[in-house]
Amino acid sequence: MKLSAVVVTRNDNYGGDLNDRAIYCLNSLIETFDEVHLIDWNSPNDTPLLWDIKDNIKFKGNLEHIIITPEIAKILTNNDPHAQVCNEVLGRNMGIRRSTGDYIVSTNIDVIAPRRDQLEKTINQLDKDNFYTISRRHIEWKDIEEFHGGSRKYDDWDKLRDHLIENSEERKRDETIV
């Protein structure tokens, strides 16, 4: 089974700690998926996120980095002044169109992907004619720093992932049908 991942981001430190979150996210995606499409949408000052964090990423040839500059973003959104600064819909569509996997996961830059074997096990239990969402786990930065002894380290992110899976809970959201 071939697995693809699509993630859209913008280098504007939205939510704080963007570089730290992106390092953990991209390393987990690169390990778990056969191909990863990183769409860097409209980063200010032409500073794509990957350029800032590349020294902490464990590349293995399966990451495609697509840069949509501010000039191109304006063209793609018809110069609409009300368009999203980071147009996730267009970015995700670009990544999905480029994906060649049997399954495509669309995610955000602050998600640590599960291990490959866990993801395949989950996929094999699902009805293949449906669309699914998987809940994130609730994690605070203090939990990550505590695991690393008070700092942030990137070399053993996979041990951190296993620790967080074992010691965190899925976020629960009340759903209503309207």
N, C-alpha and C. Protein backbone atom coordinates (compact mmCIF):
# COMPACT_ATOMS: atom_id res chain seq x y z
N MET A 1 0.84 -1.16 0.00
CA MET A 1 0.00 0.00 0.00
C MET A 1 0.89 1.23 0.00
N LYS A 2 0.57 2.18 -0.87
CA LYS A 2 1.33 3.43 -0.96
C LYS A 2 0.55 4.53 -0.25
N LEU A 3 1.23 5.25 0.66
CA LEU A 3 0.59 6.28 1.46
C LEU A 3 1.18 7.65 1.13
N SER A 4 0.30 8.63 0.92
CA SER A 4 0.70 10.00 0.64
C SER A 4 0.20 10.92 1.75
N ALA A 5 0.97 11.98 2.00
CA ALA A 5 0.56 13.00 2.97
C ALA A 5 0.66 14.37 2.32
N VAL A 6 -0.30 15.22 2.66
CA VAL A 6 -0.32 16.60 2.18
C VAL A 6 -0.42 17.50 3.40
N VAL A 7 0.44 18.50 3.47
CA VAL A 7 0.39 19.47 4.56
C VAL A 7 0.62 20.86 3.98
N VAL A 8 -0.25 21.79 4.38
CA VAL A 8 -0.17 23.17 3.91
C VAL A 8 0.26 24.04 5.08
N THR A 9 1.19 24.94 4.83
CA THR A 9 1.65 25.81 5.90
C THR A 9 2.03 27.17 5.35
N ARG A 10 2.28 28.08 6.24
CA ARG A 10 2.75 29.43 5.92
C ARG A 10 3.73 29.82 7.01
N ASN A 11 4.87 30.34 6.64
CA ASN A 11 5.91 30.67 7.61
C ASN A 11 5.61 32.02 8.27
N ASP A 12 4.61 32.02 9.16
CA ASP A 12 4.25 33.25 9.85
C ASP A 12 4.15 33.04 11.36
N ASN A 13 4.60 31.89 11.84
CA ASN A 13 4.61 31.52 13.26
C ASN A 13 3.21 31.54 13.86
N TYR A 14 2.21 31.24 13.05
CA TYR A 14 0.83 31.15 13.53
C TYR A 14 0.76 30.12 14.66
N GLY A 15 0.20 30.52 15.77
CA GLY A 15 0.08 29.62 16.91
C GLY A 15 1.33 29.54 17.77
N GLY A 16 2.40 30.19 17.37
CA GLY A 16 3.66 30.15 18.11
C GLY A 16 4.40 28.84 17.93
N ASP A 17 5.67 28.86 18.11
CA ASP A 17 6.53 27.65 18.03
C ASP A 17 6.38 26.90 16.71
N LEU A 18 6.13 27.61 15.62
CA LEU A 18 5.91 26.96 14.33
C LEU A 18 7.10 26.09 13.92
N ASN A 19 8.30 26.59 14.05
CA ASN A 19 9.46 25.81 13.63
C ASN A 19 9.57 24.50 14.41
N ASP A 20 9.39 24.57 15.73
CA ASP A 20 9.45 23.36 16.54
C ASP A 20 8.37 22.36 16.12
N ARG A 21 7.13 22.85 15.98
CA ARG A 21 6.03 21.97 15.58
C ARG A 21 6.30 21.35 14.22
N ALA A 22 6.82 22.16 13.29
CA ALA A 22 7.07 21.67 11.93
C ALA A 22 8.16 20.62 11.89
N ILE A 23 9.18 20.76 12.71
CA ILE A 23 10.27 19.77 12.73
C ILE A 23 9.72 18.41 13.15
N TYR A 24 8.97 18.38 14.24
CA TYR A 24 8.39 17.10 14.68
C TYR A 24 7.44 16.54 13.63
N CYS A 25 6.60 17.40 13.09
CA CYS A 25 5.61 16.98 12.10
C CYS A 25 6.29 16.40 10.86
N LEU A 26 7.18 17.15 10.25
CA LEU A 26 7.79 16.70 8.99
C LEU A 26 8.63 15.45 9.17
N ASN A 27 9.36 15.35 10.26
CA ASN A 27 10.14 14.13 10.48
C ASN A 27 9.22 12.91 10.61
N SER A 28 8.08 13.08 11.29
CA SER A 28 7.16 11.95 11.43
C SER A 28 6.50 11.61 10.09
N LEU A 29 6.14 12.63 9.31
CA LEU A 29 5.53 12.37 8.00
C LEU A 29 6.51 11.68 7.06
N ILE A 30 7.75 12.16 7.04
CA ILE A 30 8.77 11.56 6.17
C ILE A 30 8.99 10.10 6.52
N GLU A 31 8.95 9.78 7.81
CA GLU A 31 9.15 8.39 8.21
C GLU A 31 7.94 7.51 7.88
N THR A 32 6.74 8.02 8.07
CA THR A 32 5.52 7.23 7.94
C THR A 32 5.04 7.06 6.50
N PHE A 33 5.17 8.10 5.68
CA PHE A 33 4.55 8.10 4.36
C PHE A 33 5.55 7.88 3.23
N ASP A 34 5.05 7.32 2.13
CA ASP A 34 5.88 7.10 0.95
C ASP A 34 6.20 8.41 0.23
N GLU A 35 5.26 9.35 0.29
CA GLU A 35 5.49 10.67 -0.30
C GLU A 35 4.80 11.72 0.57
N VAL A 36 5.48 12.86 0.70
CA VAL A 36 4.96 13.97 1.50
C VAL A 36 5.01 15.21 0.63
N HIS A 37 3.88 15.87 0.52
CA HIS A 37 3.79 17.11 -0.26
C HIS A 37 3.61 18.27 0.72
N LEU A 38 4.63 19.08 0.87
CA LEU A 38 4.59 20.25 1.74
C LEU A 38 4.32 21.47 0.86
N ILE A 39 3.16 22.06 1.06
CA ILE A 39 2.76 23.24 0.28
C ILE A 39 2.98 24.46 1.17
N ASP A 40 3.95 25.27 0.81
CA ASP A 40 4.27 26.48 1.57
C ASP A 40 3.57 27.64 0.88
N TRP A 41 2.47 28.09 1.48
CA TRP A 41 1.59 29.05 0.83
C TRP A 41 1.82 30.46 1.36
N ASN A 42 2.28 31.35 0.46
CA ASN A 42 2.28 32.78 0.73
C ASN A 42 3.11 33.18 1.94
N SER A 43 4.25 32.52 2.16
CA SER A 43 5.09 32.92 3.28
C SER A 43 5.61 34.34 3.05
N PRO A 44 5.57 35.16 4.08
CA PRO A 44 6.02 36.54 3.91
C PRO A 44 7.53 36.60 3.65
N ASN A 45 7.93 37.61 2.93
CA ASN A 45 9.35 37.86 2.65
C ASN A 45 10.04 36.70 1.94
N ASP A 46 9.28 35.89 1.23
CA ASP A 46 9.85 34.75 0.50
C ASP A 46 10.76 33.89 1.39
N THR A 47 10.31 33.58 2.58
CA THR A 47 11.07 32.72 3.49
C THR A 47 10.27 31.46 3.79
N PRO A 48 10.27 30.50 2.89
CA PRO A 48 9.54 29.26 3.14
C PRO A 48 9.99 28.59 4.43
N LEU A 49 9.05 27.97 5.10
CA LEU A 49 9.29 27.32 6.38
C LEU A 49 10.45 26.33 6.32
N LEU A 50 10.50 25.51 5.29
CA LEU A 50 11.52 24.47 5.21
C LEU A 50 12.93 25.04 5.24
N TRP A 51 13.12 26.21 4.70
CA TRP A 51 14.45 26.82 4.71
C TRP A 51 14.93 27.10 6.13
N ASP A 52 14.00 27.42 7.02
CA ASP A 52 14.36 27.73 8.40
C ASP A 52 14.68 26.49 9.24
N ILE A 53 14.16 25.34 8.85
CA ILE A 53 14.27 24.15 9.71
C ILE A 53 15.03 23.00 9.07
N LYS A 54 15.54 23.18 7.87
CA LYS A 54 16.11 22.07 7.08
C LYS A 54 17.21 21.31 7.81
N ASP A 55 17.97 21.97 8.67
CA ASP A 55 19.06 21.30 9.37
C ASP A 55 18.57 20.28 10.39
N ASN A 56 17.29 20.35 10.77
CA ASN A 56 16.73 19.41 11.74
C ASN A 56 15.79 18.39 11.12
N ILE A 57 15.75 18.33 9.81
CA ILE A 57 14.87 17.38 9.12
C ILE A 57 15.70 16.20 8.62
N LYS A 58 15.16 15.01 8.81
CA LYS A 58 15.84 13.78 8.35
C LYS A 58 15.27 13.40 6.99
N PHE A 59 15.82 14.01 5.96
CA PHE A 59 15.34 13.79 4.60
C PHE A 59 15.67 12.37 4.14
N LYS A 60 14.77 11.81 3.34
CA LYS A 60 15.05 10.51 2.72
C LYS A 60 14.51 10.43 1.30
N GLY A 61 14.31 11.58 0.67
CA GLY A 61 13.93 11.61 -0.74
C GLY A 61 12.46 11.51 -1.04
N ASN A 62 11.61 11.56 -0.03
CA ASN A 62 10.17 11.44 -0.29
C ASN A 62 9.39 12.72 0.03
N LEU A 63 10.11 13.84 0.17
CA LEU A 63 9.46 15.11 0.47
C LEU A 63 9.51 16.01 -0.76
N GLU A 64 8.32 16.46 -1.18
CA GLU A 64 8.23 17.44 -2.25
C GLU A 64 7.81 18.76 -1.63
N HIS A 65 8.61 19.79 -1.83
CA HIS A 65 8.35 21.10 -1.26
C HIS A 65 7.88 22.02 -2.37
N ILE A 66 6.64 22.46 -2.28
CA ILE A 66 6.05 23.35 -3.29
C ILE A 66 5.89 24.72 -2.66
N ILE A 67 6.50 25.72 -3.28
CA ILE A 67 6.45 27.08 -2.75
C ILE A 67 5.51 27.92 -3.60
N ILE A 68 4.49 28.46 -2.94
CA ILE A 68 3.57 29.40 -3.59
C ILE A 68 3.93 30.78 -3.04
N THR A 69 4.64 31.56 -3.82
CA THR A 69 5.09 32.87 -3.37
C THR A 69 3.90 33.82 -3.21
N PRO A 70 4.08 34.91 -2.48
CA PRO A 70 2.99 35.88 -2.34
C PRO A 70 2.46 36.37 -3.69
N GLU A 71 3.33 36.55 -4.66
CA GLU A 71 2.88 37.01 -5.99
C GLU A 71 1.99 35.97 -6.66
N ILE A 72 2.38 34.72 -6.60
CA ILE A 72 1.58 33.64 -7.20
C ILE A 72 0.30 33.43 -6.41
N ALA A 73 0.35 33.56 -5.07
CA ALA A 73 -0.85 33.41 -4.25
C ALA A 73 -1.89 34.45 -4.65
N LYS A 74 -1.46 35.66 -4.93
CA LYS A 74 -2.41 36.70 -5.36
C LYS A 74 -3.06 36.32 -6.69
N ILE A 75 -2.27 35.80 -7.60
CA ILE A 75 -2.82 35.39 -8.90
C ILE A 75 -3.82 34.25 -8.72
N LEU A 76 -3.45 33.25 -7.91
CA LEU A 76 -4.31 32.08 -7.72
C LEU A 76 -5.61 32.41 -7.00
N THR A 77 -5.63 33.50 -6.25
CA THR A 77 -6.85 33.91 -5.57
C THR A 77 -7.49 35.12 -6.25
N ASN A 78 -7.15 35.33 -7.52
CA ASN A 78 -7.74 36.41 -8.33
C ASN A 78 -7.61 37.79 -7.68
N ASN A 79 -6.49 37.99 -7.00
CA ASN A 79 -6.22 39.28 -6.33
C ASN A 79 -7.35 39.70 -5.38
N ASP A 80 -8.05 38.73 -4.84
CA ASP A 80 -9.15 39.01 -3.92
C ASP A 80 -8.58 39.47 -2.58
N PRO A 81 -8.84 40.69 -2.17
CA PRO A 81 -8.29 41.17 -0.90
C PRO A 81 -8.86 40.45 0.32
N HIS A 82 -9.95 39.71 0.14
CA HIS A 82 -10.56 38.98 1.24
C HIS A 82 -10.17 37.50 1.27
N ALA A 83 -9.31 37.09 0.34
CA ALA A 83 -8.88 35.68 0.30
C ALA A 83 -8.05 35.36 1.54
N GLN A 84 -8.11 34.09 1.95
CA GLN A 84 -7.31 33.66 3.09
C GLN A 84 -5.83 33.93 2.81
N VAL A 85 -5.12 34.38 3.83
CA VAL A 85 -3.68 34.62 3.67
C VAL A 85 -2.98 33.29 3.37
N CYS A 86 -3.40 32.24 4.07
CA CYS A 86 -2.90 30.90 3.77
C CYS A 86 -4.10 30.10 3.26
N ASN A 87 -4.24 30.01 1.96
CA ASN A 87 -5.41 29.37 1.37
C ASN A 87 -5.23 27.86 1.39
N GLU A 88 -5.70 27.26 2.47
CA GLU A 88 -5.51 25.82 2.65
C GLU A 88 -6.25 24.99 1.62
N VAL A 89 -7.40 25.47 1.17
CA VAL A 89 -8.18 24.70 0.19
C VAL A 89 -7.38 24.55 -1.11
N LEU A 90 -6.90 25.64 -1.65
CA LEU A 90 -6.11 25.56 -2.89
C LEU A 90 -4.83 24.77 -2.67
N GLY A 91 -4.16 25.01 -1.56
CA GLY A 91 -2.92 24.29 -1.27
C GLY A 91 -3.14 22.79 -1.15
N ARG A 92 -4.17 22.39 -0.42
CA ARG A 92 -4.45 20.95 -0.27
C ARG A 92 -4.82 20.32 -1.62
N ASN A 93 -5.60 21.05 -2.41
CA ASN A 93 -5.94 20.52 -3.74
C ASN A 93 -4.69 20.31 -4.58
N MET A 94 -3.74 21.23 -4.52
CA MET A 94 -2.49 21.06 -5.26
C MET A 94 -1.75 19.81 -4.79
N GLY A 95 -1.66 19.63 -3.49
CA GLY A 95 -0.97 18.46 -2.96
C GLY A 95 -1.69 17.16 -3.29
N ILE A 96 -3.00 17.17 -3.18
CA ILE A 96 -3.77 15.96 -3.49
C ILE A 96 -3.63 15.58 -4.97
N ARG A 97 -3.65 16.58 -5.84
CA ARG A 97 -3.51 16.31 -7.28
C ARG A 97 -2.14 15.70 -7.60
N ARG A 98 -1.12 16.05 -6.84
CA ARG A 98 0.23 15.53 -7.08
C ARG A 98 0.46 14.17 -6.41
N SER A 99 -0.42 13.79 -5.52
CA SER A 99 -0.25 12.54 -4.76
C SER A 99 -0.54 11.33 -5.63
N THR A 100 0.25 10.30 -5.43
CA THR A 100 0.08 9.06 -6.18
C THR A 100 -0.23 7.86 -5.28
N GLY A 101 -0.48 8.13 -4.01
CA GLY A 101 -0.72 7.05 -3.06
C GLY A 101 -2.09 6.42 -3.20
N ASP A 102 -2.20 5.21 -2.67
CA ASP A 102 -3.50 4.54 -2.59
C ASP A 102 -4.39 5.24 -1.57
N TYR A 103 -3.76 5.82 -0.55
CA TYR A 103 -4.45 6.57 0.48
C TYR A 103 -3.72 7.90 0.65
N ILE A 104 -4.51 8.96 0.86
CA ILE A 104 -3.95 10.30 1.03
C ILE A 104 -4.43 10.84 2.37
N VAL A 105 -3.48 11.29 3.16
CA VAL A 105 -3.79 11.92 4.44
C VAL A 105 -3.50 13.40 4.29
N SER A 106 -4.48 14.21 4.60
CA SER A 106 -4.31 15.66 4.60
C SER A 106 -4.24 16.09 6.06
N THR A 107 -3.18 16.76 6.43
CA THR A 107 -2.96 17.07 7.84
C THR A 107 -2.46 18.49 8.00
N ASN A 108 -2.20 18.86 9.22
CA ASN A 108 -1.69 20.18 9.55
C ASN A 108 -0.25 20.08 10.05
N ILE A 109 0.43 21.20 10.10
CA ILE A 109 1.84 21.24 10.43
C ILE A 109 2.12 21.01 11.91
N ASP A 110 1.08 20.88 12.72
CA ASP A 110 1.32 20.64 14.15
C ASP A 110 0.89 19.24 14.58
N VAL A 111 0.88 18.31 13.65
CA VAL A 111 0.49 16.93 13.94
C VAL A 111 1.71 16.02 13.82
N ILE A 112 1.88 15.15 14.79
CA ILE A 112 2.92 14.12 14.69
C ILE A 112 2.24 12.86 14.18
N ALA A 113 2.69 12.39 13.02
CA ALA A 113 2.05 11.24 12.38
C ALA A 113 2.29 9.97 13.18
N PRO A 114 1.33 9.04 13.12
CA PRO A 114 1.53 7.75 13.80
C PRO A 114 2.59 6.93 13.08
N ARG A 115 3.03 5.88 13.73
CA ARG A 115 3.97 4.96 13.08
C ARG A 115 3.28 4.31 11.89
N ARG A 116 4.06 3.93 10.92
CA ARG A 116 3.53 3.33 9.69
C ARG A 116 2.68 2.11 10.00
N ASP A 117 3.16 1.22 10.84
CA ASP A 117 2.40 0.00 11.13
C ASP A 117 1.06 0.31 11.78
N GLN A 118 1.02 1.32 12.64
CA GLN A 118 -0.25 1.71 13.27
C GLN A 118 -1.22 2.27 12.25
N LEU A 119 -0.72 3.09 11.35
CA LEU A 119 -1.58 3.70 10.34
C LEU A 119 -2.13 2.63 9.38
N GLU A 120 -1.27 1.71 8.94
CA GLU A 120 -1.73 0.64 8.05
C GLU A 120 -2.77 -0.24 8.74
N LYS A 121 -2.56 -0.53 10.01
CA LYS A 121 -3.53 -1.34 10.76
C LYS A 121 -4.89 -0.65 10.79
N THR A 122 -4.87 0.65 11.05
CA THR A 122 -6.11 1.42 11.08
C THR A 122 -6.78 1.42 9.72
N ILE A 123 -6.01 1.69 8.67
CA ILE A 123 -6.57 1.73 7.31
C ILE A 123 -7.19 0.40 6.94
N ASN A 124 -6.54 -0.69 7.28
CA ASN A 124 -7.04 -2.01 6.92
C ASN A 124 -8.34 -2.37 7.63
N GLN A 125 -8.68 -1.67 8.68
CA GLN A 125 -9.93 -1.93 9.42
C GLN A 125 -11.08 -1.06 8.94
N LEU A 126 -10.82 -0.12 8.03
CA LEU A 126 -11.83 0.84 7.62
C LEU A 126 -12.53 0.41 6.34
N ASP A 127 -13.75 0.90 6.17
CA ASP A 127 -14.48 0.71 4.92
C ASP A 127 -13.84 1.61 3.87
N LYS A 128 -13.39 1.03 2.79
CA LYS A 128 -12.63 1.77 1.78
C LYS A 128 -13.47 2.75 0.96
N ASP A 129 -14.78 2.74 1.13
CA ASP A 129 -15.65 3.65 0.39
C ASP A 129 -16.08 4.86 1.21
N ASN A 130 -15.39 5.14 2.28
CA ASN A 130 -15.77 6.25 3.15
C ASN A 130 -14.61 7.21 3.37
N PHE A 131 -14.94 8.38 3.87
CA PHE A 131 -13.97 9.41 4.23
C PHE A 131 -13.90 9.43 5.76
N TYR A 132 -12.70 9.49 6.31
CA TYR A 132 -12.54 9.43 7.75
C TYR A 132 -11.73 10.61 8.26
N THR A 133 -12.00 10.98 9.50
CA THR A 133 -11.14 11.91 10.21
C THR A 133 -10.65 11.19 11.46
N ILE A 134 -9.42 11.48 11.83
CA ILE A 134 -8.84 10.87 13.02
C ILE A 134 -8.54 11.99 14.00
N SER A 135 -8.97 11.83 15.23
CA SER A 135 -8.78 12.86 16.23
C SER A 135 -7.31 13.04 16.58
N ARG A 136 -6.97 14.28 16.84
CA ARG A 136 -5.64 14.57 17.37
C ARG A 136 -5.63 14.19 18.84
N ARG A 137 -4.43 14.11 19.37
CA ARG A 137 -4.28 13.94 20.81
C ARG A 137 -3.99 15.31 21.41
N HIS A 138 -4.43 15.51 22.63
CA HIS A 138 -4.19 16.79 23.29
C HIS A 138 -2.81 16.77 23.93
N ILE A 139 -1.92 17.61 23.40
CA ILE A 139 -0.54 17.67 23.88
C ILE A 139 -0.19 19.14 24.13
N GLU A 140 0.47 19.39 25.22
CA GLU A 140 0.99 20.73 25.52
C GLU A 140 2.50 20.70 25.35
N TRP A 141 3.09 21.86 25.03
CA TRP A 141 4.55 21.92 24.88
C TRP A 141 5.26 21.51 26.15
N LYS A 142 4.66 21.79 27.30
CA LYS A 142 5.30 21.40 28.56
C LYS A 142 5.48 19.89 28.63
N ASP A 143 4.56 19.12 28.02
CA ASP A 143 4.69 17.66 28.00
C ASP A 143 5.91 17.24 27.18
N ILE A 144 6.13 17.93 26.08
CA ILE A 144 7.28 17.62 25.22
C ILE A 144 8.58 18.00 25.93
N GLU A 145 8.61 19.19 26.52
CA GLU A 145 9.81 19.62 27.23
C GLU A 145 10.10 18.73 28.44
N GLU A 146 9.05 18.29 29.12
CA GLU A 146 9.24 17.40 30.26
C GLU A 146 9.85 16.07 29.80
N PHE A 147 9.37 15.53 28.70
CA PHE A 147 9.92 14.28 28.16
C PHE A 147 11.41 14.43 27.85
N HIS A 148 11.79 15.59 27.32
CA HIS A 148 13.18 15.83 26.94
C HIS A 148 14.02 16.39 28.09
N GLY A 149 13.50 16.40 29.30
CA GLY A 149 14.27 16.89 30.43
C GLY A 149 14.42 18.40 30.48
N GLY A 150 13.40 19.12 30.02
CA GLY A 150 13.41 20.56 30.14
C GLY A 150 13.79 21.31 28.88
N SER A 151 14.08 20.61 27.82
CA SER A 151 14.43 21.30 26.56
C SER A 151 13.68 20.64 25.41
N ARG A 152 13.98 21.10 24.21
CA ARG A 152 13.40 20.48 23.02
C ARG A 152 14.53 19.87 22.21
N LYS A 153 14.40 18.60 21.94
CA LYS A 153 15.41 17.89 21.15
C LYS A 153 14.71 17.26 19.96
N TYR A 154 15.39 17.21 18.85
CA TYR A 154 14.75 16.73 17.63
C TYR A 154 15.25 15.35 17.19
N ASP A 155 16.37 14.91 17.74
CA ASP A 155 16.93 13.64 17.26
C ASP A 155 16.12 12.43 17.68
N ASP A 156 15.48 12.48 18.82
CA ASP A 156 14.72 11.31 19.29
C ASP A 156 13.21 11.58 19.26
N TRP A 157 12.77 12.26 18.22
CA TRP A 157 11.35 12.59 18.09
C TRP A 157 10.49 11.34 18.02
N ASP A 158 11.02 10.24 17.46
CA ASP A 158 10.22 9.02 17.34
C ASP A 158 9.93 8.41 18.72
N LYS A 159 10.87 8.52 19.65
CA LYS A 159 10.62 8.05 21.02
C LYS A 159 9.59 8.96 21.68
N LEU A 160 9.68 10.25 21.38
CA LEU A 160 8.68 11.19 21.90
C LEU A 160 7.29 10.82 21.37
N ARG A 161 7.19 10.51 20.08
CA ARG A 161 5.90 10.14 19.49
C ARG A 161 5.30 8.95 20.24
N ASP A 162 6.09 7.91 20.45
CA ASP A 162 5.59 6.73 21.15
C ASP A 162 5.15 7.07 22.58
N HIS A 163 5.94 7.90 23.25
CA HIS A 163 5.60 8.33 24.61
C HIS A 163 4.28 9.08 24.62
N LEU A 164 4.10 10.01 23.68
CA LEU A 164 2.88 10.80 23.65
C LEU A 164 1.65 9.95 23.33
N ILE A 165 1.81 8.98 22.44
CA ILE A 165 0.68 8.09 22.11
C ILE A 165 0.25 7.30 23.34
N GLU A 166 1.22 6.85 24.11
CA GLU A 166 0.92 6.05 25.29
C GLU A 166 0.39 6.88 26.46
N ASN A 167 0.75 8.17 26.51
CA ASN A 167 0.47 8.97 27.70
C ASN A 167 -0.43 10.18 27.45
N SER A 168 -1.14 10.19 26.35
CA SER A 168 -2.06 11.30 26.09
C SER A 168 -3.41 10.73 25.67
N GLU A 169 -4.38 11.60 25.68
CA GLU A 169 -5.74 11.18 25.32
C GLU A 169 -6.17 11.85 24.03
N GLU A 170 -7.06 11.18 23.31
CA GLU A 170 -7.66 11.82 22.13
C GLU A 170 -8.50 12.99 22.59
N ARG A 171 -8.50 14.04 21.76
CA ARG A 171 -9.38 15.17 22.07
C ARG A 171 -10.81 14.75 21.79
N LYS A 172 -11.70 15.13 22.65
CA LYS A 172 -13.12 14.80 22.48
C LYS A 172 -13.86 16.06 22.10
N ARG A 173 -14.64 15.98 21.06
CA ARG A 173 -15.47 17.08 20.61
C ARG A 173 -16.91 16.61 20.54
N ASP A 174 -17.80 17.39 21.09
CA ASP A 174 -19.22 17.08 20.97
C ASP A 174 -19.63 17.39 19.54
N GLU A 175 -20.32 16.46 18.92
CA GLU A 175 -20.78 16.65 17.55
C GLU A 175 -22.29 16.79 17.52
N THR A 176 -22.74 17.67 16.67
CA THR A 176 -24.18 17.81 16.46
C THR A 176 -24.44 17.80 14.97
N ILE A 177 -25.54 17.22 14.60
CA ILE A 177 -25.94 17.19 13.19
C ILE A 177 -27.00 18.27 13.02
N VAL A 178 -26.75 19.14 12.08
CA VAL A 178 -27.67 20.27 11.86
C VAL A 178 -28.48 20.02 10.62
